[in-house]
Amino acid sequence: MRQSRSTIIIYSLIGSAVALGFFGHGVLGAKGEEKFVGLVTGSYDKLLGGSMSTDTATSIVNVIGWIDIGLAAVFVALVVGAIRRKAFAYSPVAMGLFVWAATWGFLTALSRFTAVLNGAEVWDVVERGPNYLAPAALVYLIYRVRKTEAQPPFATAAPSELAQSNGQHEKPERSLAGIR
């Protein structure tokens, strides 16, 4: 798999941002960050109409934190793979992991709103846009790389291939399909 230097740099920058975001939030979750516990209990209470104990919410936040730390390590491995031009960095599995990261980033940003169901909190979702848009950008980058590699290389027909039985030459059709 041969990627352009620009593609590798973009992948590395965005992938590092995703890894750092997951690692930072993971460490806070593993420590049982009080704000995160409040988001879990508040969202549970507001959306499901029940009541969750702080101990249960803290346990959930701890588990999520450790999962996020593990995912951060996987994202670092994908960045290293992209730098070393390894195919797995552009695989459907990598794409799926970044889809998950974008979805999870959006849901956790949305939890700021759902924990209080207050219209003012919608700006917290907007402010945390990079948490879900950075992995979404990687999904798009991987999609474009995979789509480009699936297409046959652009080729033009030689004039001898265009000769007709009567000795006339046709003008080749012009297309921008293979030009990027």
N, C-alpha and C. Protein backbone atom coordinates (compact mmCIF):
# COMPACT_ATOMS: atom_id res chain seq x y z
N MET A 1 0.85 -1.17 0.00
CA MET A 1 0.00 0.00 0.00
C MET A 1 0.89 1.23 0.00
N ARG A 2 0.76 2.01 -1.04
CA ARG A 2 1.59 3.20 -1.20
C ARG A 2 0.71 4.43 -1.03
N GLN A 3 0.93 5.18 0.03
CA GLN A 3 0.17 6.40 0.28
C GLN A 3 1.04 7.62 0.09
N SER A 4 0.41 8.72 -0.30
CA SER A 4 1.17 9.96 -0.45
C SER A 4 1.62 10.45 0.93
N ARG A 5 2.64 11.24 0.91
CA ARG A 5 3.15 11.80 2.16
C ARG A 5 2.08 12.65 2.84
N SER A 6 1.32 13.40 2.07
CA SER A 6 0.25 14.24 2.63
C SER A 6 -0.80 13.39 3.34
N THR A 7 -1.18 12.29 2.71
CA THR A 7 -2.18 11.40 3.32
C THR A 7 -1.66 10.86 4.65
N ILE A 8 -0.42 10.47 4.69
CA ILE A 8 0.17 9.94 5.92
C ILE A 8 0.23 11.01 7.01
N ILE A 9 0.61 12.22 6.63
CA ILE A 9 0.69 13.31 7.61
C ILE A 9 -0.70 13.65 8.15
N ILE A 10 -1.68 13.74 7.27
CA ILE A 10 -3.04 14.05 7.72
C ILE A 10 -3.56 12.94 8.63
N TYR A 11 -3.37 11.69 8.23
CA TYR A 11 -3.79 10.55 9.05
C TYR A 11 -3.10 10.63 10.41
N SER A 12 -1.81 10.89 10.42
CA SER A 12 -1.05 10.93 11.67
C SER A 12 -1.52 12.03 12.60
N LEU A 13 -1.77 13.21 12.06
CA LEU A 13 -2.21 14.33 12.90
C LEU A 13 -3.61 14.08 13.47
N ILE A 14 -4.53 13.70 12.61
CA ILE A 14 -5.90 13.47 13.08
C ILE A 14 -5.96 12.25 13.98
N GLY A 15 -5.27 11.18 13.59
CA GLY A 15 -5.25 9.96 14.40
C GLY A 15 -4.65 10.20 15.78
N SER A 16 -3.61 11.02 15.85
CA SER A 16 -3.01 11.36 17.15
C SER A 16 -3.99 12.15 18.00
N ALA A 17 -4.73 13.06 17.38
CA ALA A 17 -5.73 13.83 18.12
C ALA A 17 -6.80 12.90 18.70
N VAL A 18 -7.24 11.93 17.90
CA VAL A 18 -8.25 10.98 18.38
C VAL A 18 -7.67 10.15 19.53
N ALA A 19 -6.45 9.66 19.37
CA ALA A 19 -5.82 8.85 20.42
C ALA A 19 -5.66 9.65 21.70
N LEU A 20 -5.21 10.88 21.60
CA LEU A 20 -5.05 11.72 22.80
C LEU A 20 -6.38 12.01 23.47
N GLY A 21 -7.41 12.27 22.66
CA GLY A 21 -8.73 12.52 23.23
C GLY A 21 -9.24 11.31 24.00
N PHE A 22 -9.10 10.13 23.42
CA PHE A 22 -9.54 8.92 24.10
C PHE A 22 -8.68 8.63 25.33
N PHE A 23 -7.39 8.86 25.23
CA PHE A 23 -6.51 8.62 26.38
C PHE A 23 -6.84 9.57 27.53
N GLY A 24 -6.97 10.85 27.23
CA GLY A 24 -7.27 11.84 28.27
C GLY A 24 -8.60 11.56 28.95
N HIS A 25 -9.63 11.33 28.17
CA HIS A 25 -10.94 11.02 28.76
C HIS A 25 -10.90 9.67 29.48
N GLY A 26 -10.14 8.73 28.93
CA GLY A 26 -10.02 7.42 29.57
C GLY A 26 -9.39 7.50 30.94
N VAL A 27 -8.34 8.28 31.07
CA VAL A 27 -7.68 8.44 32.37
C VAL A 27 -8.65 9.06 33.38
N LEU A 28 -9.36 10.09 32.95
CA LEU A 28 -10.34 10.71 33.85
C LEU A 28 -11.44 9.73 34.24
N GLY A 29 -11.89 8.93 33.27
CA GLY A 29 -12.92 7.93 33.56
C GLY A 29 -12.40 6.85 34.51
N ALA A 30 -11.18 6.38 34.26
CA ALA A 30 -10.60 5.34 35.12
C ALA A 30 -10.44 5.84 36.56
N LYS A 31 -10.24 7.14 36.71
CA LYS A 31 -10.13 7.74 38.05
C LYS A 31 -11.50 8.03 38.66
N GLY A 32 -12.57 7.83 37.90
CA GLY A 32 -13.92 8.06 38.42
C GLY A 32 -14.27 9.54 38.49
N GLU A 33 -13.88 10.30 37.49
CA GLU A 33 -14.14 11.75 37.44
C GLU A 33 -15.59 12.05 37.82
N GLU A 34 -15.75 12.91 38.79
CA GLU A 34 -17.08 13.25 39.32
C GLU A 34 -18.01 13.82 38.25
N LYS A 35 -17.46 14.65 37.35
CA LYS A 35 -18.28 15.21 36.26
C LYS A 35 -18.84 14.11 35.37
N PHE A 36 -18.02 13.08 35.08
CA PHE A 36 -18.48 11.99 34.23
C PHE A 36 -19.55 11.16 34.92
N VAL A 37 -19.38 10.95 36.21
CA VAL A 37 -20.38 10.21 37.00
C VAL A 37 -21.70 10.98 36.96
N GLY A 38 -21.63 12.30 37.08
CA GLY A 38 -22.84 13.13 37.01
C GLY A 38 -23.52 13.05 35.65
N LEU A 39 -22.73 12.94 34.59
CA LEU A 39 -23.32 12.81 33.26
C LEU A 39 -24.05 11.48 33.11
N VAL A 40 -23.48 10.42 33.66
CA VAL A 40 -24.12 9.10 33.58
C VAL A 40 -25.41 9.09 34.41
N THR A 41 -25.35 9.53 35.64
CA THR A 41 -26.55 9.51 36.49
C THR A 41 -27.61 10.47 35.95
N GLY A 42 -27.19 11.65 35.52
CA GLY A 42 -28.15 12.63 35.00
C GLY A 42 -28.83 12.15 33.74
N SER A 43 -28.05 11.59 32.80
CA SER A 43 -28.63 11.09 31.55
C SER A 43 -29.56 9.91 31.83
N TYR A 44 -29.16 9.02 32.72
CA TYR A 44 -30.00 7.88 33.08
C TYR A 44 -31.32 8.37 33.68
N ASP A 45 -31.22 9.29 34.61
CA ASP A 45 -32.41 9.81 35.28
C ASP A 45 -33.34 10.53 34.29
N LYS A 46 -32.78 11.40 33.45
CA LYS A 46 -33.60 12.21 32.54
C LYS A 46 -34.18 11.39 31.38
N LEU A 47 -33.39 10.49 30.84
CA LEU A 47 -33.84 9.75 29.66
C LEU A 47 -34.67 8.52 29.99
N LEU A 48 -34.31 7.84 31.07
CA LEU A 48 -35.01 6.60 31.41
C LEU A 48 -35.97 6.75 32.58
N GLY A 49 -35.95 7.90 33.22
CA GLY A 49 -36.88 8.16 34.30
C GLY A 49 -36.61 7.38 35.57
N GLY A 50 -35.44 6.80 35.67
CA GLY A 50 -35.10 6.04 36.86
C GLY A 50 -34.10 6.79 37.70
N SER A 51 -33.46 6.02 38.57
CA SER A 51 -32.44 6.61 39.42
C SER A 51 -31.28 5.62 39.51
N MET A 52 -30.08 6.11 39.25
CA MET A 52 -28.89 5.27 39.31
C MET A 52 -28.04 5.74 40.48
N SER A 53 -27.54 4.79 41.23
CA SER A 53 -26.69 5.16 42.37
C SER A 53 -25.35 5.68 41.88
N THR A 54 -24.74 6.51 42.68
CA THR A 54 -23.42 7.06 42.36
C THR A 54 -22.39 5.95 42.25
N ASP A 55 -22.49 4.93 43.12
CA ASP A 55 -21.54 3.81 43.07
C ASP A 55 -21.63 3.05 41.74
N THR A 56 -22.86 2.81 41.28
CA THR A 56 -23.05 2.12 40.01
C THR A 56 -22.50 2.97 38.86
N ALA A 57 -22.83 4.26 38.88
CA ALA A 57 -22.35 5.15 37.83
C ALA A 57 -20.82 5.24 37.84
N THR A 58 -20.23 5.26 39.02
CA THR A 58 -18.77 5.32 39.13
C THR A 58 -18.14 4.06 38.53
N SER A 59 -18.74 2.90 38.81
CA SER A 59 -18.24 1.65 38.23
C SER A 59 -18.33 1.67 36.71
N ILE A 60 -19.44 2.17 36.19
CA ILE A 60 -19.61 2.26 34.73
C ILE A 60 -18.56 3.20 34.14
N VAL A 61 -18.37 4.35 34.77
CA VAL A 61 -17.38 5.32 34.29
C VAL A 61 -15.97 4.73 34.32
N ASN A 62 -15.66 3.97 35.37
CA ASN A 62 -14.34 3.32 35.46
C ASN A 62 -14.11 2.35 34.31
N VAL A 63 -15.11 1.51 34.03
CA VAL A 63 -14.99 0.53 32.95
C VAL A 63 -14.83 1.26 31.61
N ILE A 64 -15.67 2.25 31.38
CA ILE A 64 -15.58 3.02 30.13
C ILE A 64 -14.20 3.67 30.02
N GLY A 65 -13.69 4.18 31.11
CA GLY A 65 -12.37 4.81 31.11
C GLY A 65 -11.28 3.85 30.66
N TRP A 66 -11.31 2.64 31.19
CA TRP A 66 -10.30 1.65 30.81
C TRP A 66 -10.46 1.21 29.37
N ILE A 67 -11.69 1.12 28.90
CA ILE A 67 -11.93 0.79 27.49
C ILE A 67 -11.37 1.91 26.61
N ASP A 68 -11.62 3.17 26.99
CA ASP A 68 -11.09 4.29 26.22
C ASP A 68 -9.56 4.30 26.19
N ILE A 69 -8.92 3.94 27.28
CA ILE A 69 -7.46 3.86 27.31
C ILE A 69 -6.99 2.77 26.34
N GLY A 70 -7.66 1.63 26.34
CA GLY A 70 -7.32 0.56 25.41
C GLY A 70 -7.51 0.99 23.96
N LEU A 71 -8.60 1.69 23.69
CA LEU A 71 -8.83 2.18 22.33
C LEU A 71 -7.78 3.21 21.93
N ALA A 72 -7.36 4.03 22.86
CA ALA A 72 -6.30 5.01 22.57
C ALA A 72 -5.04 4.29 22.10
N ALA A 73 -4.71 3.18 22.75
CA ALA A 73 -3.54 2.40 22.34
C ALA A 73 -3.73 1.83 20.93
N VAL A 74 -4.92 1.38 20.62
CA VAL A 74 -5.21 0.87 19.28
C VAL A 74 -5.08 1.99 18.25
N PHE A 75 -5.57 3.18 18.58
CA PHE A 75 -5.47 4.31 17.65
C PHE A 75 -4.01 4.71 17.43
N VAL A 76 -3.19 4.63 18.47
CA VAL A 76 -1.76 4.88 18.30
C VAL A 76 -1.16 3.85 17.35
N ALA A 77 -1.54 2.59 17.52
CA ALA A 77 -1.03 1.53 16.64
C ALA A 77 -1.46 1.79 15.19
N LEU A 78 -2.66 2.28 14.98
CA LEU A 78 -3.11 2.60 13.62
C LEU A 78 -2.30 3.75 13.03
N VAL A 79 -2.01 4.76 13.85
CA VAL A 79 -1.18 5.87 13.37
C VAL A 79 0.22 5.38 13.00
N VAL A 80 0.81 4.56 13.86
CA VAL A 80 2.13 4.00 13.56
C VAL A 80 2.05 3.16 12.28
N GLY A 81 0.98 2.41 12.13
CA GLY A 81 0.79 1.63 10.91
C GLY A 81 0.70 2.50 9.67
N ALA A 82 0.00 3.62 9.78
CA ALA A 82 -0.10 4.55 8.65
C ALA A 82 1.27 5.12 8.30
N ILE A 83 2.03 5.49 9.33
CA ILE A 83 3.38 6.04 9.10
C ILE A 83 4.27 5.01 8.42
N ARG A 84 4.12 3.75 8.81
CA ARG A 84 4.94 2.67 8.22
C ARG A 84 4.32 2.09 6.95
N ARG A 85 3.25 2.73 6.49
CA ARG A 85 2.58 2.35 5.24
C ARG A 85 2.04 0.92 5.27
N LYS A 86 1.43 0.56 6.39
CA LYS A 86 0.85 -0.77 6.54
C LYS A 86 -0.62 -0.73 6.12
N ALA A 87 -1.05 -1.76 5.44
CA ALA A 87 -2.42 -1.82 4.92
C ALA A 87 -3.46 -1.81 6.03
N PHE A 88 -3.16 -2.37 7.21
CA PHE A 88 -4.17 -2.45 8.27
C PHE A 88 -4.64 -1.07 8.73
N ALA A 89 -3.84 -0.03 8.53
CA ALA A 89 -4.24 1.32 8.93
C ALA A 89 -5.39 1.83 8.08
N TYR A 90 -5.59 1.22 6.90
CA TYR A 90 -6.65 1.63 5.99
C TYR A 90 -7.68 0.52 5.79
N SER A 91 -7.70 -0.42 6.70
CA SER A 91 -8.59 -1.59 6.59
C SER A 91 -10.01 -1.25 7.02
N PRO A 92 -10.96 -2.12 6.65
CA PRO A 92 -12.33 -1.94 7.13
C PRO A 92 -12.41 -1.95 8.67
N VAL A 93 -11.53 -2.71 9.32
CA VAL A 93 -11.53 -2.73 10.79
C VAL A 93 -11.13 -1.35 11.33
N ALA A 94 -10.10 -0.75 10.75
CA ALA A 94 -9.69 0.60 11.16
C ALA A 94 -10.82 1.59 10.93
N MET A 95 -11.44 1.47 9.79
CA MET A 95 -12.57 2.35 9.48
C MET A 95 -13.69 2.18 10.52
N GLY A 96 -13.98 0.93 10.86
CA GLY A 96 -15.02 0.65 11.86
C GLY A 96 -14.66 1.21 13.23
N LEU A 97 -13.40 1.12 13.60
CA LEU A 97 -12.97 1.68 14.89
C LEU A 97 -13.15 3.20 14.92
N PHE A 98 -12.83 3.85 13.81
CA PHE A 98 -13.01 5.29 13.78
C PHE A 98 -14.49 5.68 13.68
N VAL A 99 -15.32 4.83 13.06
CA VAL A 99 -16.78 5.06 13.10
C VAL A 99 -17.25 5.00 14.54
N TRP A 100 -16.77 3.99 15.28
CA TRP A 100 -17.13 3.88 16.69
C TRP A 100 -16.66 5.12 17.45
N ALA A 101 -15.44 5.57 17.20
CA ALA A 101 -14.90 6.74 17.90
C ALA A 101 -15.75 7.98 17.62
N ALA A 102 -16.19 8.15 16.37
CA ALA A 102 -17.03 9.29 16.03
C ALA A 102 -18.39 9.19 16.74
N THR A 103 -18.97 7.99 16.72
CA THR A 103 -20.26 7.78 17.38
C THR A 103 -20.15 8.01 18.89
N TRP A 104 -19.14 7.41 19.49
CA TRP A 104 -18.94 7.55 20.94
C TRP A 104 -18.64 9.01 21.29
N GLY A 105 -17.83 9.68 20.48
CA GLY A 105 -17.53 11.09 20.72
C GLY A 105 -18.79 11.94 20.68
N PHE A 106 -19.68 11.64 19.73
CA PHE A 106 -20.93 12.39 19.66
C PHE A 106 -21.83 12.09 20.84
N LEU A 107 -21.95 10.81 21.20
CA LEU A 107 -22.82 10.44 22.32
C LEU A 107 -22.34 11.03 23.64
N THR A 108 -21.04 11.03 23.86
CA THR A 108 -20.52 11.61 25.11
C THR A 108 -20.67 13.12 25.11
N ALA A 109 -20.52 13.75 23.94
CA ALA A 109 -20.77 15.20 23.87
C ALA A 109 -22.25 15.47 24.13
N LEU A 110 -23.12 14.64 23.57
CA LEU A 110 -24.55 14.80 23.76
C LEU A 110 -24.97 14.58 25.22
N SER A 111 -24.19 13.79 25.95
CA SER A 111 -24.54 13.53 27.35
C SER A 111 -24.51 14.81 28.19
N ARG A 112 -23.77 15.81 27.77
CA ARG A 112 -23.79 17.10 28.48
C ARG A 112 -25.19 17.71 28.41
N PHE A 113 -25.86 17.48 27.29
CA PHE A 113 -27.22 17.98 27.10
C PHE A 113 -28.24 17.08 27.79
N THR A 114 -28.10 15.76 27.59
CA THR A 114 -29.11 14.83 28.11
C THR A 114 -29.07 14.72 29.64
N ALA A 115 -27.95 15.05 30.26
CA ALA A 115 -27.86 14.96 31.72
C ALA A 115 -28.72 16.01 32.41
N VAL A 116 -29.00 17.11 31.71
CA VAL A 116 -29.79 18.19 32.33
C VAL A 116 -31.02 18.56 31.51
N LEU A 117 -31.03 18.16 30.23
CA LEU A 117 -32.11 18.52 29.30
C LEU A 117 -32.42 20.01 29.38
N ASN A 118 -31.37 20.78 29.21
CA ASN A 118 -31.44 22.23 29.27
C ASN A 118 -30.95 22.75 27.93
N GLY A 119 -31.71 23.60 27.29
CA GLY A 119 -31.33 24.10 25.97
C GLY A 119 -29.97 24.77 25.92
N ALA A 120 -29.54 25.36 27.02
CA ALA A 120 -28.24 26.05 27.04
C ALA A 120 -27.09 25.06 26.88
N GLU A 121 -27.30 23.84 27.30
CA GLU A 121 -26.23 22.84 27.25
C GLU A 121 -25.95 22.34 25.84
N VAL A 122 -26.79 22.70 24.87
CA VAL A 122 -26.56 22.28 23.50
C VAL A 122 -25.22 22.82 23.00
N TRP A 123 -24.77 23.93 23.53
CA TRP A 123 -23.48 24.50 23.11
C TRP A 123 -22.31 23.64 23.57
N ASP A 124 -22.50 22.84 24.61
CA ASP A 124 -21.46 21.89 25.00
C ASP A 124 -21.27 20.81 23.93
N VAL A 125 -22.36 20.46 23.27
CA VAL A 125 -22.29 19.47 22.19
C VAL A 125 -21.52 20.08 21.01
N VAL A 126 -21.82 21.33 20.71
CA VAL A 126 -21.13 22.02 19.61
C VAL A 126 -19.66 22.20 19.94
N GLU A 127 -19.36 22.62 21.16
CA GLU A 127 -17.98 22.88 21.57
C GLU A 127 -17.13 21.61 21.53
N ARG A 128 -17.74 20.47 21.72
CA ARG A 128 -17.02 19.20 21.69
C ARG A 128 -17.03 18.55 20.31
N GLY A 129 -17.33 19.33 19.29
CA GLY A 129 -17.34 18.85 17.92
C GLY A 129 -16.09 18.10 17.50
N PRO A 130 -14.90 18.58 17.88
CA PRO A 130 -13.70 17.83 17.49
C PRO A 130 -13.67 16.39 18.01
N ASN A 131 -14.37 16.12 19.12
CA ASN A 131 -14.39 14.75 19.67
C ASN A 131 -15.06 13.77 18.72
N TYR A 132 -15.97 14.24 17.88
CA TYR A 132 -16.61 13.33 16.94
C TYR A 132 -16.27 13.66 15.48
N LEU A 133 -15.88 14.89 15.20
CA LEU A 133 -15.54 15.22 13.83
C LEU A 133 -14.14 14.76 13.42
N ALA A 134 -13.19 14.71 14.36
CA ALA A 134 -11.84 14.22 14.03
C ALA A 134 -11.89 12.75 13.59
N PRO A 135 -12.53 11.86 14.36
CA PRO A 135 -12.60 10.48 13.86
C PRO A 135 -13.44 10.36 12.59
N ALA A 136 -14.46 11.21 12.45
CA ALA A 136 -15.25 11.19 11.21
C ALA A 136 -14.37 11.58 10.02
N ALA A 137 -13.44 12.51 10.21
CA ALA A 137 -12.52 12.89 9.14
C ALA A 137 -11.64 11.70 8.75
N LEU A 138 -11.22 10.90 9.71
CA LEU A 138 -10.41 9.72 9.41
C LEU A 138 -11.24 8.66 8.67
N VAL A 139 -12.48 8.53 9.03
CA VAL A 139 -13.35 7.60 8.30
C VAL A 139 -13.40 8.02 6.83
N TYR A 140 -13.57 9.30 6.59
CA TYR A 140 -13.62 9.79 5.21
C TYR A 140 -12.28 9.60 4.51
N LEU A 141 -11.18 9.89 5.19
CA LEU A 141 -9.85 9.71 4.60
C LEU A 141 -9.62 8.25 4.21
N ILE A 142 -9.94 7.34 5.10
CA ILE A 142 -9.77 5.91 4.81
C ILE A 142 -10.68 5.50 3.66
N TYR A 143 -11.91 6.00 3.67
CA TYR A 143 -12.84 5.69 2.58
C TYR A 143 -12.26 6.14 1.24
N ARG A 144 -11.73 7.36 1.18
CA ARG A 144 -11.17 7.89 -0.08
C ARG A 144 -9.96 7.06 -0.53
N VAL A 145 -9.10 6.70 0.41
CA VAL A 145 -7.93 5.89 0.06
C VAL A 145 -8.38 4.54 -0.49
N ARG A 146 -9.33 3.91 0.18
CA ARG A 146 -9.81 2.60 -0.27
C ARG A 146 -10.49 2.71 -1.64
N LYS A 147 -11.26 3.75 -1.84
CA LYS A 147 -11.95 3.95 -3.12
C LYS A 147 -10.94 4.19 -4.24
N THR A 148 -9.93 4.99 -3.97
CA THR A 148 -8.90 5.28 -4.97
C THR A 148 -8.13 4.02 -5.36
N GLU A 149 -7.81 3.20 -4.38
CA GLU A 149 -7.06 1.98 -4.67
C GLU A 149 -7.90 0.94 -5.39
N ALA A 150 -9.21 1.02 -5.25
CA ALA A 150 -10.08 0.04 -5.90
C ALA A 150 -10.26 0.36 -7.38
N GLN A 151 -9.99 1.60 -7.79
CA GLN A 151 -10.15 2.00 -9.18
C GLN A 151 -8.92 1.63 -9.98
N PRO A 152 -9.13 1.21 -11.22
CA PRO A 152 -7.95 0.94 -12.06
C PRO A 152 -7.25 2.25 -12.38
N PRO A 153 -5.96 2.18 -12.58
CA PRO A 153 -5.24 3.41 -12.89
C PRO A 153 -5.74 4.04 -14.18
N PHE A 154 -5.66 5.35 -14.28
CA PHE A 154 -6.10 6.10 -15.44
C PHE A 154 -5.18 5.77 -16.62
N ALA A 155 -5.78 5.44 -17.72
CA ALA A 155 -4.98 5.12 -18.90
C ALA A 155 -5.66 5.72 -20.13
N THR A 156 -4.87 6.11 -21.08
CA THR A 156 -5.42 6.61 -22.33
C THR A 156 -5.14 5.57 -23.41
N ALA A 157 -6.01 5.53 -24.34
CA ALA A 157 -5.85 4.57 -25.44
C ALA A 157 -4.83 5.10 -26.43
N ALA A 158 -4.02 4.21 -26.95
CA ALA A 158 -3.06 4.58 -27.98
C ALA A 158 -3.81 4.79 -29.29
N PRO A 159 -3.32 5.70 -30.16
CA PRO A 159 -4.02 5.95 -31.43
C PRO A 159 -4.23 4.68 -32.25
N SER A 160 -3.29 3.73 -32.19
CA SER A 160 -3.45 2.50 -32.97
C SER A 160 -4.64 1.68 -32.49
N GLU A 161 -4.98 1.82 -31.21
CA GLU A 161 -6.14 1.10 -30.68
C GLU A 161 -7.44 1.72 -31.14
N LEU A 162 -7.36 2.97 -31.59
CA LEU A 162 -8.57 3.67 -31.98
C LEU A 162 -8.88 3.53 -33.47
N ALA A 163 -7.98 2.91 -34.20
CA ALA A 163 -8.18 2.79 -35.65
C ALA A 163 -9.40 1.95 -35.95
N GLN A 164 -10.18 2.44 -36.89
CA GLN A 164 -11.35 1.67 -37.30
C GLN A 164 -11.00 0.88 -38.55
N SER A 165 -11.91 0.05 -38.94
CA SER A 165 -11.67 -0.81 -40.10
C SER A 165 -11.45 0.00 -41.37
N ASN A 166 -12.00 1.22 -41.45
CA ASN A 166 -11.84 2.02 -42.66
C ASN A 166 -10.60 2.90 -42.62
N GLY A 167 -9.76 2.74 -41.60
CA GLY A 167 -8.53 3.50 -41.54
C GLY A 167 -8.68 4.85 -40.87
N GLN A 168 -9.88 5.22 -40.47
CA GLN A 168 -10.10 6.50 -39.81
C GLN A 168 -9.80 6.38 -38.32
N HIS A 169 -9.44 7.47 -37.71
CA HIS A 169 -9.21 7.51 -36.26
C HIS A 169 -10.34 8.27 -35.60
N GLU A 170 -10.80 7.73 -34.47
CA GLU A 170 -11.78 8.45 -33.67
C GLU A 170 -11.04 9.32 -32.67
N LYS A 171 -11.66 10.40 -32.30
CA LYS A 171 -11.09 11.20 -31.22
C LYS A 171 -11.42 10.52 -29.90
N PRO A 172 -10.43 10.39 -29.02
CA PRO A 172 -10.73 9.75 -27.73
C PRO A 172 -11.65 10.66 -26.91
N GLU A 173 -12.53 10.00 -26.15
CA GLU A 173 -13.39 10.76 -25.26
C GLU A 173 -12.53 11.33 -24.13
N ARG A 174 -12.84 12.54 -23.77
CA ARG A 174 -12.10 13.17 -22.68
C ARG A 174 -12.91 13.01 -21.41
N SER A 175 -12.23 12.64 -20.36
CA SER A 175 -12.90 12.40 -19.10
C SER A 175 -12.00 12.83 -17.96
N LEU A 176 -12.60 13.37 -16.95
CA LEU A 176 -11.86 13.75 -15.76
C LEU A 176 -11.98 12.69 -14.67
N ALA A 177 -12.57 11.55 -15.01
CA ALA A 177 -12.83 10.51 -14.01
C ALA A 177 -11.58 10.03 -13.32
N GLY A 178 -10.50 9.91 -14.00
CA GLY A 178 -9.28 9.37 -13.38
C GLY A 178 -8.34 10.44 -12.88
N ILE A 179 -8.69 11.70 -13.04
CA ILE A 179 -7.82 12.79 -12.60
C ILE A 179 -8.24 13.27 -11.23
N ARG A 180 -7.28 13.45 -10.37
CA ARG A 180 -7.60 13.93 -9.01
C ARG A 180 -6.97 15.27 -8.81
